[in-house]
Amino acid sequence: MSSSVIDFIAAEARFGARNYEPIGVVLSRGEGVWVWDTAGNRYLDCLSAYSAVSQGHCHPKILAAMVEQAHRLTLTSRAFHNDQLALFYEEIAALTGSHKVLPMNSGAEAVESAIKSVRKWGYEVKGVPDGQAEVIVCANNFHGRTLGIVGFSTDPETRTHFGPFAPGFRIIPFGDTAALEEAITPNTVAFLVEPIQGEAGVVIPPAGYFTKVRELCTANNVMLVLDEIQTGLGRTGKLLAEQHEGIEADVTLLGKALSGGFYPVSAVLSNNDVLGTLRPGQHGSTFGGNPLACAVARAAMRVLVEEGMIENAARQGVRFLEGLKDIRANTIREVRGRGLMLAVELHPEAGRARRYCEALQGKGILAKDTHEQTIRIAPPLVITSDQVDWALERLATTLTQDFS
């Protein structure tokens, strides 16, 4: 490790809050699927900033849109109109089939906004008694780290010593439609769920789960809120992960890849009923919907479609998944994934997944562990077949490595 890397890491440790435990590499440049550290070493990025850099690092067309808009106008607040917001609305609505759009900044803000909106809809449209609205969520969920969200997390690391928490949430097992049916009451306003639980280790529900979920929500006048902040915009080989079962959510949450990694942009997409209850002054954001964010998001969506990244994610995802399943290693408990959202879960006796991620770093691959035993693999959607094969060779070598 060079002295420059030690200096950067030491400075972070000295001045920064220790709320992350990053892999010991200091990155300084990125292009496409590749990133370089301060010593000039090149790595294949198999995390994509938790799927935010789906279009590849520093995509030239998104960069050009950002630079052009930055020269013209960056921020007006929503006190005034700007010439990018309406175009963003039109284009994201056309792409996703949505009726109403609420622009925000981070994914967590989109989640919080959705919770506020479905509660308001519950009181004003469904007729739930004031203060009694319930939102059903799933165990092992990850929807962000704000105080409201961690209150319904089941991960002790995210909850401990952060309470007291807001009431109004019921937690059920993920992938269990019987549990959902039992949990619904007349006061239930929404079911908030990830199509694939990413942070939990790329957990995929049983086939037909979301078809039944959609039926239950419709029958009980419950808003189905899909958190597609990680799974959306091509990550799973479809524009939205809901399309794998041919359903439509009432509320869809997007973020991360909505800006291609250039700028924090998120959105709540909804039918008229839910977002239609909001009135001026009841919700907002100084930066939400700003012209710079809108211009960047418009370019990010455009290249995703025009350059066939969604279709490429489907093709390369099959190649990557089959290649991982072909690795014969006693360390591997299970391989799972959809599109380019993949995971390798290790047997407990194999040790922590982090040491395998550190070994992969030495072979030119950056991946990240989650929940001790799982290696997450999520490269940019522009990855090629040759690059997938290159990664598989190094993954196979690492996963069969003897660390004893």
Protein backbone atom coordinates (compact mmCIF):
# COMPACT_ATOMS: atom_id res chain seq x y z
CA MET A 1 0.00 0.00 0.00
CA SER A 2 1.50 3.32 -1.06
CA SER A 3 2.08 6.17 1.37
CA SER A 4 -0.54 8.27 -0.44
CA VAL A 5 -3.17 5.61 0.21
CA ILE A 6 -2.17 5.42 3.87
CA ASP A 7 -2.44 9.21 4.12
CA PHE A 8 -5.96 9.30 2.66
CA ILE A 9 -7.18 6.46 4.84
CA ALA A 10 -5.49 7.87 7.95
CA ALA A 11 -7.09 11.27 7.34
CA GLU A 12 -10.52 9.67 7.01
CA ALA A 13 -10.00 7.79 10.25
CA ARG A 14 -8.83 10.92 12.03
CA PHE A 15 -11.58 13.31 10.94
CA GLY A 16 -14.50 11.19 9.79
CA ALA A 17 -17.29 9.49 11.72
CA ARG A 18 -16.73 5.73 11.61
CA ASN A 19 -20.08 4.84 10.09
CA TYR A 20 -18.51 2.82 7.26
CA GLU A 21 -15.90 0.09 7.00
CA PRO A 22 -14.64 0.44 3.42
CA ILE A 23 -12.32 -1.91 1.60
CA GLY A 24 -8.75 -0.58 1.80
CA VAL A 25 -8.52 1.08 -1.58
CA VAL A 26 -8.55 4.80 -2.46
CA LEU A 27 -10.15 5.42 -5.85
CA SER A 28 -9.38 8.46 -7.95
CA ARG A 29 -10.73 7.83 -11.45
CA GLY A 30 -13.40 5.82 -13.25
CA GLU A 31 -14.46 5.02 -16.81
CA GLY A 32 -17.13 2.53 -17.85
CA VAL A 33 -16.81 -0.61 -15.71
CA TRP A 34 -13.30 0.29 -14.53
CA VAL A 35 -11.96 2.35 -11.64
CA TRP A 36 -8.36 3.25 -10.77
CA ASP A 37 -6.78 3.84 -7.38
CA THR A 38 -4.31 6.58 -6.48
CA ALA A 39 -1.42 4.24 -7.29
CA GLY A 40 -2.72 3.62 -10.80
CA ASN A 41 -4.05 0.09 -10.24
CA ARG A 42 -7.14 -0.78 -12.28
CA TYR A 43 -10.18 -2.63 -10.92
CA LEU A 44 -13.43 -3.99 -12.33
CA ASP A 45 -16.16 -2.32 -10.29
CA CYS A 46 -18.58 -5.02 -9.18
CA LEU A 47 -20.57 -2.81 -6.83
CA SER A 48 -21.46 0.19 -9.05
CA ALA A 49 -21.89 2.38 -5.95
CA TYR A 50 -24.72 0.09 -4.82
CA SER A 51 -26.19 0.18 -8.36
CA ALA A 52 -26.06 3.98 -8.70
CA VAL A 53 -23.47 3.86 -11.49
CA SER A 54 -25.44 1.48 -13.71
CA GLN A 55 -24.63 3.48 -16.86
CA GLY A 56 -20.90 3.16 -16.17
CA HIS A 57 -18.51 5.60 -14.55
CA CYS A 58 -18.41 9.10 -16.04
CA HIS A 59 -20.68 8.34 -18.98
CA PRO A 60 -19.77 11.04 -21.52
CA LYS A 61 -23.34 11.93 -22.53
CA ILE A 62 -24.53 12.32 -18.93
CA LEU A 63 -21.39 14.32 -18.18
CA ALA A 64 -22.05 16.60 -21.14
CA ALA A 65 -25.63 17.20 -20.00
CA MET A 66 -24.44 18.02 -16.49
CA VAL A 67 -21.75 20.45 -17.66
CA GLU A 68 -24.08 22.17 -20.10
CA GLN A 69 -26.80 22.64 -17.49
CA ALA A 70 -24.29 23.73 -14.82
CA HIS A 71 -23.28 26.59 -17.11
CA ARG A 72 -26.91 27.67 -17.52
CA LEU A 73 -28.80 27.20 -14.23
CA THR A 74 -28.35 24.88 -11.26
CA LEU A 75 -30.93 25.76 -8.60
CA THR A 76 -34.06 27.88 -8.34
CA SER A 77 -35.89 26.05 -5.52
CA ARG A 78 -39.50 25.12 -6.22
CA ALA A 79 -40.54 28.70 -5.48
CA PHE A 80 -40.18 29.21 -9.25
CA HIS A 81 -40.59 27.03 -12.32
CA ASN A 82 -37.56 25.92 -14.33
CA ASP A 83 -37.27 24.72 -17.91
CA GLN A 84 -36.02 21.20 -17.04
CA LEU A 85 -38.57 19.93 -14.50
CA ALA A 86 -41.54 19.59 -16.86
CA LEU A 87 -39.37 17.75 -19.40
CA PHE A 88 -38.14 15.41 -16.66
CA TYR A 89 -41.75 14.76 -15.63
CA GLU A 90 -42.82 14.00 -19.19
CA GLU A 91 -39.90 11.70 -19.93
CA ILE A 92 -39.93 9.66 -16.72
CA ALA A 93 -43.72 9.30 -16.92
CA ALA A 94 -43.47 8.10 -20.53
CA LEU A 95 -40.68 5.68 -19.67
CA THR A 96 -42.40 4.13 -16.65
CA GLY A 97 -46.09 4.63 -17.40
CA SER A 98 -46.59 6.74 -14.29
CA HIS A 99 -49.26 9.41 -13.82
CA LYS A 100 -47.72 11.63 -11.16
CA VAL A 101 -44.11 12.32 -10.17
CA LEU A 102 -42.62 13.75 -6.98
CA PRO A 103 -38.90 14.59 -7.38
CA MET A 104 -36.59 14.27 -4.40
CA ASN A 105 -32.84 13.83 -3.85
CA SER A 106 -31.88 10.62 -2.04
CA GLY A 107 -33.54 7.23 -2.01
CA ALA A 108 -34.33 7.57 1.68
CA GLU A 109 -36.13 10.85 0.96
CA ALA A 110 -38.23 9.07 -1.65
CA VAL A 111 -39.17 6.39 0.88
CA GLU A 112 -40.07 8.95 3.54
CA SER A 113 -42.10 10.91 0.99
CA ALA A 114 -43.98 7.80 -0.06
CA ILE A 115 -44.84 6.94 3.55
CA LYS A 116 -46.16 10.47 4.13
CA SER A 117 -48.17 10.34 0.92
CA VAL A 118 -49.82 6.94 1.48
CA ARG A 119 -50.75 7.93 5.02
CA LYS A 120 -52.35 11.13 3.72
CA TRP A 121 -54.18 9.14 1.04
CA GLY A 122 -55.35 6.71 3.71
CA TYR A 123 -56.92 9.47 5.79
CA GLU A 124 -58.36 11.57 2.99
CA VAL A 125 -59.38 8.95 0.42
CA LYS A 126 -59.64 5.53 2.08
CA GLY A 127 -61.17 6.92 5.27
CA VAL A 128 -58.75 5.52 7.87
CA PRO A 129 -59.32 7.17 11.30
CA ASP A 130 -56.82 9.97 11.94
CA GLY A 131 -53.57 8.73 13.46
CA GLN A 132 -54.35 5.03 12.84
CA ALA A 133 -52.77 4.39 9.43
CA GLU A 134 -50.63 1.24 9.18
CA VAL A 135 -47.90 0.40 6.68
CA ILE A 136 -46.81 -3.22 6.30
CA VAL A 137 -43.10 -3.86 5.69
CA CYS A 138 -40.89 -6.95 5.47
CA ALA A 139 -38.31 -8.38 7.85
CA ASN A 140 -34.72 -7.85 6.69
CA ASN A 141 -35.79 -4.84 4.66
CA PHE A 142 -33.49 -1.99 3.73
CA HIS A 143 -35.16 1.26 2.73
CA GLY A 144 -32.60 3.77 4.00
CA ARG A 145 -31.15 5.14 7.22
CA THR A 146 -33.34 8.03 8.31
CA LEU A 147 -34.91 7.86 11.76
CA GLY A 148 -38.35 7.06 10.38
CA ILE A 149 -37.04 4.21 8.26
CA VAL A 150 -34.73 2.51 10.77
CA GLY A 151 -37.68 2.37 13.15
CA PHE A 152 -39.15 -0.47 11.09
CA SER A 153 -35.85 -2.20 10.32
CA THR A 154 -35.19 -5.62 11.85
CA ASP A 155 -31.40 -5.19 11.72
CA PRO A 156 -30.10 -4.48 15.25
CA GLU A 157 -27.13 -2.58 13.81
CA THR A 158 -29.41 0.03 12.27
CA ARG A 159 -31.83 0.30 15.21
CA THR A 160 -29.88 0.01 18.46
CA HIS A 161 -29.76 3.24 20.51
CA PHE A 162 -31.55 5.31 17.86
CA GLY A 163 -35.06 5.15 19.36
CA PRO A 164 -37.73 5.98 20.27
CA PHE A 165 -39.33 5.20 16.94
CA ALA A 166 -42.56 6.20 15.24
CA PRO A 167 -45.45 3.71 15.42
CA GLY A 168 -47.62 2.59 12.52
CA PHE A 169 -45.61 -0.23 10.96
CA ARG A 170 -46.25 -3.99 10.91
CA ILE A 171 -43.41 -6.35 10.01
CA ILE A 172 -43.97 -9.65 8.19
CA PRO A 173 -41.65 -12.23 6.57
CA PHE A 174 -40.51 -11.47 3.02
CA GLY A 175 -41.96 -13.75 0.35
CA ASP A 176 -44.90 -14.92 2.49
CA THR A 177 -48.29 -13.98 1.01
CA ALA A 178 -50.21 -15.70 3.81
CA ALA A 179 -48.47 -13.45 6.32
CA LEU A 180 -49.39 -10.40 4.24
CA GLU A 181 -53.03 -11.42 4.04
CA GLU A 182 -53.17 -11.94 7.80
CA ALA A 183 -51.48 -8.60 8.54
CA ILE A 184 -53.87 -6.46 6.49
CA THR A 185 -56.48 -4.59 8.52
CA PRO A 186 -59.01 -1.87 7.62
CA ASN A 187 -56.34 0.65 8.68
CA THR A 188 -53.67 -0.70 6.32
CA VAL A 189 -52.77 1.97 3.78
CA ALA A 190 -49.74 0.41 2.08
CA PHE A 191 -47.38 -2.52 1.69
CA LEU A 192 -43.81 -1.20 1.27
CA VAL A 193 -41.46 -3.84 -0.14
CA GLU A 194 -38.34 -4.36 -2.24
CA PRO A 195 -38.84 -6.57 -5.33
CA ILE A 196 -35.49 -8.14 -4.41
CA GLN A 197 -33.98 -7.56 -0.99
CA GLY A 198 -30.59 -6.15 -1.90
CA GLU A 199 -28.88 -5.32 1.38
CA ALA A 200 -30.18 -8.57 2.89
CA GLY A 201 -28.07 -10.44 0.34
CA VAL A 202 -29.97 -10.34 -2.98
CA VAL A 203 -32.91 -12.34 -1.65
CA ILE A 204 -35.37 -13.22 -4.41
CA PRO A 205 -38.98 -14.06 -3.46
CA PRO A 206 -40.74 -17.23 -4.66
CA ALA A 207 -42.16 -17.24 -8.19
CA GLY A 208 -45.68 -15.82 -8.23
CA TYR A 209 -45.20 -13.91 -4.99
CA PHE A 210 -45.79 -10.46 -6.41
CA THR A 211 -48.72 -11.61 -8.53
CA LYS A 212 -50.49 -12.69 -5.32
CA VAL A 213 -49.30 -9.53 -3.50
CA ARG A 214 -50.86 -7.40 -6.23
CA GLU A 215 -54.14 -9.31 -5.91
CA LEU A 216 -54.22 -8.89 -2.13
CA CYS A 217 -53.45 -5.18 -2.26
CA THR A 218 -56.10 -4.56 -4.91
CA ALA A 219 -58.73 -6.57 -3.06
CA ASN A 220 -58.11 -4.70 0.20
CA ASN A 221 -57.59 -1.19 -1.25
CA VAL A 222 -53.98 -1.15 -0.06
CA MET A 223 -51.31 0.77 -1.96
CA LEU A 224 -48.50 -1.47 -3.22
CA VAL A 225 -45.29 0.57 -2.85
CA LEU A 226 -42.29 -0.99 -4.57
CA ASP A 227 -38.88 0.29 -3.54
CA GLU A 228 -37.04 -0.02 -6.86
CA ILE A 229 -34.22 2.28 -5.83
CA GLN A 230 -31.71 -0.54 -6.37
CA THR A 231 -33.67 -2.90 -8.63
CA GLY A 232 -35.10 -0.30 -11.01
CA LEU A 233 -33.77 1.16 -14.24
CA GLY A 234 -32.44 -2.04 -15.75
CA ARG A 235 -30.50 -3.61 -12.89
CA THR A 236 -32.48 -6.88 -13.02
CA GLY A 237 -32.65 -7.08 -16.81
CA LYS A 238 -36.01 -5.26 -17.02
CA LEU A 239 -36.72 -1.55 -16.78
CA LEU A 240 -38.44 -2.26 -13.45
CA ALA A 241 -38.20 -5.49 -11.47
CA GLU A 242 -42.01 -5.61 -11.20
CA GLN A 243 -42.09 -6.50 -14.90
CA HIS A 244 -40.70 -9.97 -14.18
CA GLU A 245 -44.18 -10.87 -12.91
CA GLY A 246 -46.15 -8.51 -15.13
CA ILE A 247 -47.58 -6.39 -12.33
CA GLU A 248 -47.83 -2.65 -11.71
CA ALA A 249 -47.20 -0.98 -8.37
CA ASP A 250 -49.38 1.87 -7.13
CA VAL A 251 -46.26 3.73 -6.03
CA THR A 252 -42.75 3.14 -7.38
CA LEU A 253 -39.58 4.57 -5.84
CA LEU A 254 -36.55 5.29 -8.00
CA GLY A 255 -33.13 6.71 -7.18
CA LYS A 256 -29.48 5.69 -7.52
CA ALA A 257 -29.17 5.00 -11.29
CA LEU A 258 -31.67 7.78 -12.02
CA SER A 259 -28.64 10.08 -12.23
CA GLY A 260 -26.05 7.57 -13.44
CA GLY A 261 -23.94 8.36 -10.40
CA PHE A 262 -23.48 12.07 -11.14
CA TYR A 263 -25.87 13.69 -8.71
CA PRO A 264 -28.40 12.70 -6.02
CA VAL A 265 -31.76 12.31 -7.76
CA SER A 266 -34.78 10.26 -6.66
CA ALA A 267 -38.45 10.16 -7.51
CA VAL A 268 -41.76 8.91 -6.20
CA LEU A 269 -43.90 7.70 -9.10
CA SER A 270 -47.58 7.19 -8.45
CA ASN A 271 -51.15 7.07 -9.59
CA ASN A 272 -53.25 10.21 -9.20
CA ASP A 273 -54.89 9.19 -5.92
CA VAL A 274 -51.77 9.04 -3.76
CA LEU A 275 -49.73 12.04 -4.89
CA GLY A 276 -52.92 13.87 -5.77
CA THR A 277 -53.61 14.47 -2.08
CA LEU A 278 -50.57 16.73 -1.64
CA ARG A 279 -51.23 20.47 -1.56
CA PRO A 280 -48.81 23.43 -1.68
CA GLY A 281 -46.82 23.74 1.52
CA GLN A 282 -47.49 20.17 2.73
CA HIS A 283 -44.28 18.60 1.40
CA GLY A 284 -41.19 19.81 -0.41
CA SER A 285 -37.45 19.97 -0.88
CA THR A 286 -35.16 22.89 -1.72
CA PHE A 287 -33.08 20.76 -4.08
CA GLY A 288 -35.75 18.29 -5.21
CA GLY A 289 -36.54 18.84 -8.89
CA ASN A 290 -33.74 21.34 -9.43
CA PRO A 291 -32.74 21.97 -13.07
CA LEU A 292 -29.30 20.40 -12.75
CA ALA A 293 -30.77 17.20 -11.29
CA CYS A 294 -33.46 17.06 -13.96
CA ALA A 295 -31.02 17.54 -16.83
CA VAL A 296 -28.75 14.83 -15.46
CA ALA A 297 -31.64 12.41 -14.89
CA ARG A 298 -33.00 13.00 -18.38
CA ALA A 299 -29.64 12.11 -19.89
CA ALA A 300 -29.24 9.11 -17.58
CA MET A 301 -32.61 7.68 -18.64
CA ARG A 302 -31.94 8.41 -22.29
CA VAL A 303 -28.63 6.54 -22.53
CA LEU A 304 -30.05 3.62 -20.55
CA VAL A 305 -32.60 3.07 -23.30
CA GLU A 306 -30.76 4.25 -26.42
CA GLU A 307 -27.63 2.22 -25.70
CA GLY A 308 -29.49 -1.01 -24.88
CA MET A 309 -28.20 -1.26 -21.34
CA ILE A 310 -31.32 -2.98 -20.01
CA GLU A 311 -31.13 -5.73 -22.62
CA ASN A 312 -27.39 -6.06 -21.99
CA ALA A 313 -28.05 -6.49 -18.27
CA ALA A 314 -30.40 -9.37 -19.06
CA ARG A 315 -27.88 -11.09 -21.36
CA GLN A 316 -24.81 -10.59 -19.23
CA GLY A 317 -26.75 -11.41 -16.08
CA VAL A 318 -27.55 -14.88 -17.41
CA ARG A 319 -23.92 -15.37 -18.43
CA PHE A 320 -22.63 -14.18 -15.04
CA LEU A 321 -25.12 -16.24 -13.02
CA GLU A 322 -24.45 -19.44 -14.98
CA GLY A 323 -20.72 -18.86 -14.66
CA LEU A 324 -20.97 -18.42 -10.89
CA LYS A 325 -23.06 -21.59 -10.61
CA ASP A 326 -20.37 -23.47 -12.53
CA ILE A 327 -17.73 -22.65 -9.92
CA ARG A 328 -17.11 -25.78 -7.89
CA ALA A 329 -16.02 -24.54 -4.50
CA ASN A 330 -16.75 -25.97 -1.08
CA THR A 331 -17.01 -22.41 0.22
CA ILE A 332 -20.19 -21.66 -1.76
CA ARG A 333 -23.56 -22.27 -0.12
CA GLU A 334 -25.73 -20.63 -2.78
CA VAL A 335 -25.54 -18.47 -5.88
CA ARG A 336 -28.54 -16.31 -6.74
CA GLY A 337 -29.47 -13.27 -8.76
CA ARG A 338 -31.52 -11.65 -11.47
CA GLY A 339 -29.97 -9.61 -14.24
CA LEU A 340 -26.80 -7.98 -12.94
CA MET A 341 -27.93 -8.08 -9.30
CA LEU A 342 -26.05 -11.15 -8.07
CA ALA A 343 -24.81 -12.70 -4.86
CA VAL A 344 -22.60 -15.54 -3.71
CA GLU A 345 -23.50 -16.75 -0.22
CA LEU A 346 -20.73 -18.62 1.58
CA HIS A 347 -20.96 -21.39 4.13
CA PRO A 348 -20.36 -20.09 7.68
CA GLU A 349 -17.27 -22.27 8.02
CA ALA A 350 -15.74 -20.47 5.02
CA GLY A 351 -15.29 -17.38 7.20
CA ARG A 352 -16.36 -13.80 6.62
CA ALA A 353 -17.09 -12.76 3.07
CA ARG A 354 -14.99 -9.65 3.58
CA ARG A 355 -11.72 -11.56 3.39
CA TYR A 356 -12.77 -12.90 -0.03
CA CYS A 357 -13.58 -9.34 -1.14
CA GLU A 358 -10.14 -8.26 0.02
CA ALA A 359 -8.59 -11.14 -1.92
CA LEU A 360 -10.58 -10.12 -5.00
CA GLN A 361 -9.15 -6.62 -4.68
CA GLY A 362 -5.72 -8.15 -5.14
CA LYS A 363 -6.94 -9.71 -8.38
CA GLY A 364 -8.39 -6.50 -9.77
CA ILE A 365 -12.05 -6.82 -8.73
CA LEU A 366 -13.90 -4.62 -6.26
CA ALA A 367 -16.91 -6.31 -4.64
CA LYS A 368 -18.58 -5.81 -1.27
CA ASP A 369 -19.67 -8.15 1.46
CA THR A 370 -23.01 -7.96 3.21
CA HIS A 371 -24.37 -9.76 6.29
CA GLU A 372 -21.06 -11.49 6.98
CA GLN A 373 -21.44 -14.42 4.54
CA THR A 374 -22.51 -12.88 1.23
CA ILE A 375 -20.55 -11.29 -1.62
CA ARG A 376 -22.65 -8.89 -3.67
CA ILE A 377 -21.86 -8.57 -7.38
CA ALA A 378 -23.44 -5.71 -9.32
CA PRO A 379 -21.25 -4.35 -12.14
CA PRO A 380 -22.33 -1.47 -14.39
CA LEU A 381 -24.87 -2.49 -17.02
CA VAL A 382 -22.37 -1.74 -19.79
CA ILE A 383 -20.21 -4.77 -18.91
CA THR A 384 -19.25 -6.98 -21.87
CA SER A 385 -19.11 -10.76 -22.23
CA ASP A 386 -15.30 -10.71 -22.20
CA GLN A 387 -15.32 -8.68 -18.99
CA VAL A 388 -17.80 -11.08 -17.38
CA ASP A 389 -15.54 -14.01 -18.27
CA TRP A 390 -12.50 -12.15 -16.97
CA ALA A 391 -14.28 -11.59 -13.66
CA LEU A 392 -15.47 -15.20 -13.43
CA GLU A 393 -11.91 -16.50 -13.78
CA ARG A 394 -10.77 -14.41 -10.82
CA LEU A 395 -13.85 -15.19 -8.76
CA ALA A 396 -13.32 -18.90 -9.30
CA THR A 397 -9.69 -18.66 -8.20
CA THR A 398 -10.60 -16.65 -5.11
CA LEU A 399 -13.56 -18.76 -4.02
CA THR A 400 -11.48 -21.93 -4.17
CA GLN A 401 -8.61 -20.31 -2.28
CA ASP A 402 -7.52 -21.85 1.01
CA PHE A 403 -7.41 -19.16 3.72
CA SER A 404 -6.50 -21.54 6.54
